[in-house]
Amino acid sequence: MNSRQSVSVNLTAVQAVRKAVLLVAILLGAAFVVVGDSRWASGTLAHESIEWFGLILIVVCILGRTLCTLYIGGRKIESLVQIGPYSVSRNPLYFFSILGAIGAGAQLGSLVLAFATGFVVWLIFLIVIFKEEQVLTERFGAAYADYLAQVPRLFPRMTLWKDVEKIEVNPRLVRMTALDASVFLLSVPLAEGFEYLHDAGILPTWFILP
């Protein structure tokens, strides 16, 4: 097995762990919405404002992840991408996913749940990022070490933005990423459904969150 194949296998293993832990986080979140509810009743200004705040974050997540894929789609192992979103953050795809997670959590009208969801997803990605950094350091050596020293791990520093006139785009990967990120939108009808079940007394409310 050559070095490129080894990196591919290692990154695939890291992503498998990420998906498993994310599944656990989703199940825990689902458990909350079954027995928990927002302090602010559906239809109130506070409740609706939080939901709209979350929806905006979900849209930003979808657009941001799609933009990232324009720059890196299919090239994570082939080359060290340091332009566009990857010039201001080493992991912009994960950054936008965290925003999407906060937005999904906000659909129940609770700021506490929204940021708790984002925090859990941040922890999951942080573990994955550490593993990926080890693998990519082996792949790209000194060039990646310089990249680590200059560009933030997660939260963008926009003053570092660098771009090029042209990029090579893989349309299939861009479509797949946009579709994948759009899954966050499912939180909107799901949250509305759970809110109705709580309001109708069909589901119990064991605790509430602001």
Protein backbone atom coordinates (compact mmCIF):
# COMPACT_ATOMS: atom_id res chain seq x y z
CA MET A 1 0.00 0.00 0.00
CA ASN A 2 1.51 3.36 -1.04
CA SER A 3 1.41 6.52 1.11
CA ARG A 4 -1.57 7.99 -0.73
CA GLN A 5 -3.62 4.84 -0.25
CA SER A 6 -2.59 4.72 3.41
CA VAL A 7 -3.76 8.31 3.95
CA SER A 8 -7.05 7.51 2.21
CA VAL A 9 -7.65 4.51 4.47
CA ASN A 10 -6.78 6.49 7.60
CA LEU A 11 -9.08 9.38 6.68
CA THR A 12 -11.88 6.93 5.88
CA ALA A 13 -11.48 5.38 9.34
CA VAL A 14 -11.58 8.83 10.95
CA GLN A 15 -14.78 9.70 9.10
CA ALA A 16 -16.34 6.39 10.18
CA VAL A 17 -15.71 7.33 13.82
CA ARG A 18 -17.16 10.79 13.21
CA LYS A 19 -20.35 9.37 11.75
CA ALA A 20 -20.76 6.90 14.62
CA VAL A 21 -20.37 9.59 17.28
CA LEU A 22 -22.66 11.94 15.39
CA LEU A 23 -25.30 9.22 15.30
CA VAL A 24 -25.11 8.94 19.09
CA ALA A 25 -25.45 12.72 19.38
CA ILE A 26 -28.50 12.69 17.09
CA LEU A 27 -30.14 9.95 19.18
CA LEU A 28 -29.54 11.94 22.37
CA GLY A 29 -31.03 15.02 20.72
CA ALA A 30 -34.05 13.01 19.62
CA ALA A 31 -34.49 11.79 23.19
CA PHE A 32 -34.62 15.40 24.37
CA VAL A 33 -37.29 16.52 21.92
CA VAL A 34 -39.51 13.64 23.03
CA VAL A 35 -39.56 14.70 26.69
CA GLY A 36 -38.32 18.32 26.67
CA ASP A 37 -39.70 21.62 25.44
CA SER A 38 -38.90 25.33 25.19
CA ARG A 39 -39.74 27.77 27.97
CA TRP A 40 -41.32 30.06 25.41
CA ALA A 41 -44.55 28.84 23.89
CA SER A 42 -44.82 28.31 20.17
CA GLY A 43 -45.95 31.48 18.43
CA THR A 44 -44.41 33.90 20.93
CA LEU A 45 -41.89 36.49 19.72
CA ALA A 46 -38.99 34.89 21.62
CA HIS A 47 -39.77 31.40 20.30
CA GLU A 48 -40.21 32.47 16.68
CA SER A 49 -37.11 34.70 16.77
CA ILE A 50 -34.96 31.79 17.93
CA GLU A 51 -36.37 29.58 15.19
CA TRP A 52 -35.66 32.20 12.51
CA PHE A 53 -32.15 32.70 13.89
CA GLY A 54 -31.62 28.96 13.54
CA LEU A 55 -33.03 28.87 10.01
CA ILE A 56 -30.60 31.58 8.93
CA LEU A 57 -27.71 29.53 10.35
CA ILE A 58 -28.90 26.44 8.46
CA VAL A 59 -28.97 28.39 5.18
CA VAL A 60 -25.48 29.74 5.89
CA CYS A 61 -24.37 26.16 6.59
CA ILE A 62 -25.70 24.88 3.26
CA LEU A 63 -24.18 27.74 1.25
CA GLY A 64 -20.90 27.60 3.17
CA ARG A 65 -20.40 23.85 2.81
CA THR A 66 -21.20 24.09 -0.89
CA LEU A 67 -18.64 26.88 -1.30
CA CYS A 68 -16.00 24.80 0.48
CA THR A 69 -16.60 21.86 -1.83
CA LEU A 70 -16.04 24.10 -4.86
CA TYR A 71 -12.48 24.55 -3.62
CA ILE A 72 -11.60 21.14 -2.17
CA GLY A 73 -14.00 18.62 -3.69
CA GLY A 74 -12.05 15.38 -4.20
CA ARG A 75 -8.65 16.98 -3.56
CA LYS A 76 -8.14 16.56 0.19
CA ILE A 77 -5.56 13.82 -0.30
CA GLU A 78 -4.22 14.89 -3.69
CA SER A 79 -3.12 18.40 -2.68
CA LEU A 80 -2.98 20.82 0.23
CA VAL A 81 -5.72 23.35 -0.50
CA GLN A 82 -4.93 26.77 0.97
CA ILE A 83 -7.21 29.11 -0.98
CA GLY A 84 -10.76 30.39 -0.57
CA PRO A 85 -12.38 29.18 2.66
CA TYR A 86 -9.28 27.08 3.36
CA SER A 87 -7.13 30.20 3.52
CA VAL A 88 -9.05 31.49 6.56
CA SER A 89 -9.84 28.19 8.32
CA ARG A 90 -8.26 24.75 8.10
CA ASN A 91 -11.65 23.08 8.57
CA PRO A 92 -14.35 25.36 7.14
CA LEU A 93 -16.62 22.41 6.27
CA TYR A 94 -16.76 21.49 9.95
CA PHE A 95 -17.22 25.14 10.95
CA PHE A 96 -20.31 25.47 8.75
CA SER A 97 -21.62 22.12 10.00
CA ILE A 98 -21.44 23.44 13.57
CA LEU A 99 -23.50 26.46 12.50
CA GLY A 100 -26.01 24.06 10.96
CA ALA A 101 -26.17 22.05 14.19
CA ILE A 102 -26.85 25.21 16.20
CA GLY A 103 -29.54 26.13 13.70
CA ALA A 104 -31.15 22.71 13.94
CA GLY A 105 -31.18 22.85 17.73
CA ALA A 106 -32.76 26.31 17.60
CA GLN A 107 -35.81 24.95 15.77
CA LEU A 108 -37.33 23.97 19.13
CA GLY A 109 -37.20 27.60 20.25
CA SER A 110 -34.49 27.07 22.88
CA LEU A 111 -31.19 28.93 22.84
CA VAL A 112 -29.78 26.55 25.44
CA LEU A 113 -30.55 23.54 23.26
CA ALA A 114 -29.22 25.33 20.16
CA PHE A 115 -25.81 26.10 21.62
CA ALA A 116 -25.64 22.79 23.49
CA THR A 117 -26.14 21.03 20.15
CA GLY A 118 -23.42 23.14 18.57
CA PHE A 119 -21.07 22.44 21.48
CA VAL A 120 -21.53 18.68 21.24
CA VAL A 121 -20.92 18.72 17.48
CA TRP A 122 -17.85 20.95 18.02
CA LEU A 123 -16.42 18.39 20.45
CA ILE A 124 -17.03 15.58 17.97
CA PHE A 125 -15.35 17.45 15.14
CA LEU A 126 -12.45 18.45 17.37
CA ILE A 127 -11.63 14.79 17.95
CA VAL A 128 -11.84 14.13 14.21
CA ILE A 129 -9.70 17.18 13.42
CA PHE A 130 -6.90 16.01 15.72
CA LYS A 131 -6.85 12.65 13.97
CA GLU A 132 -6.94 14.22 10.51
CA GLU A 133 -4.09 16.57 11.39
CA GLN A 134 -1.90 13.60 12.26
CA VAL A 135 -2.71 11.89 8.97
CA LEU A 136 -2.24 15.03 6.84
CA THR A 137 1.03 15.89 8.58
CA GLU A 138 2.36 12.52 7.46
CA ARG A 139 1.09 13.17 3.94
CA PHE A 140 2.27 16.77 3.38
CA GLY A 141 5.08 17.19 5.92
CA ALA A 142 6.61 20.66 6.32
CA ALA A 143 4.07 22.32 4.03
CA TYR A 144 1.24 21.23 6.29
CA ALA A 145 3.19 22.25 9.40
CA ASP A 146 3.46 25.79 7.97
CA TYR A 147 -0.26 25.74 7.21
CA LEU A 148 -0.99 24.69 10.80
CA ALA A 149 1.05 27.60 12.10
CA GLN A 150 -0.59 30.24 9.91
CA VAL A 151 -4.29 29.35 9.61
CA PRO A 152 -6.79 28.86 12.48
CA ARG A 153 -7.97 25.34 13.13
CA LEU A 154 -11.69 26.10 12.96
CA PHE A 155 -13.01 29.65 13.40
CA PRO A 156 -12.23 31.76 10.29
CA ARG A 157 -9.83 34.70 10.31
CA MET A 158 -11.10 36.63 7.30
CA THR A 159 -8.04 38.87 7.02
CA LEU A 160 -6.13 35.82 5.72
CA TRP A 161 -8.40 35.33 2.70
CA LYS A 162 -6.56 34.32 -0.49
CA ASP A 163 -8.12 33.37 -3.80
CA VAL A 164 -7.34 32.48 -7.39
CA GLU A 165 -8.92 33.43 -10.71
CA LYS A 166 -9.99 29.89 -11.62
CA ILE A 167 -10.66 26.61 -9.81
CA GLU A 168 -11.43 23.13 -11.09
CA VAL A 169 -14.86 22.00 -9.87
CA ASN A 170 -16.37 18.54 -9.54
CA PRO A 171 -20.12 19.16 -10.07
CA ARG A 172 -21.13 15.77 -8.65
CA LEU A 173 -19.38 16.41 -5.33
CA VAL A 174 -20.83 19.92 -5.14
CA ARG A 175 -24.35 18.57 -5.64
CA MET A 176 -23.77 15.82 -3.07
CA THR A 177 -22.49 18.30 -0.50
CA ALA A 178 -25.40 20.68 -1.02
CA LEU A 179 -27.86 17.79 -0.69
CA ASP A 180 -26.07 16.43 2.38
CA ALA A 181 -26.09 19.83 4.11
CA SER A 182 -29.76 20.31 3.25
CA VAL A 183 -30.56 17.49 5.70
CA PHE A 184 -30.37 20.17 8.40
CA LEU A 185 -33.58 21.59 6.94
CA LEU A 186 -35.41 18.46 8.10
CA SER A 187 -35.12 19.81 11.64
CA VAL A 188 -37.73 22.47 10.77
CA PRO A 189 -40.74 20.18 10.09
CA LEU A 190 -39.57 17.68 12.71
CA ALA A 191 -39.42 20.38 15.39
CA GLU A 192 -42.85 21.67 14.40
CA GLY A 193 -44.23 18.15 14.67
CA PHE A 194 -42.79 17.61 18.15
CA GLU A 195 -44.04 21.02 19.26
CA TYR A 196 -47.55 20.08 18.17
CA LEU A 197 -47.36 16.77 20.03
CA HIS A 198 -46.21 18.53 23.22
CA ASP A 199 -48.88 21.25 22.93
CA ALA A 200 -51.56 18.60 22.38
CA GLY A 201 -50.41 16.67 25.45
CA ILE A 202 -49.57 13.58 23.40
CA LEU A 203 -45.91 13.74 24.45
CA PRO A 204 -44.89 14.43 28.08
CA THR A 205 -42.85 17.49 29.02
CA TRP A 206 -40.46 16.48 31.77
CA PHE A 207 -38.33 19.61 31.62
CA ILE A 208 -38.08 22.94 29.82
CA LEU A 209 -35.12 24.97 28.59
CA PRO A 210 -34.83 28.72 27.91
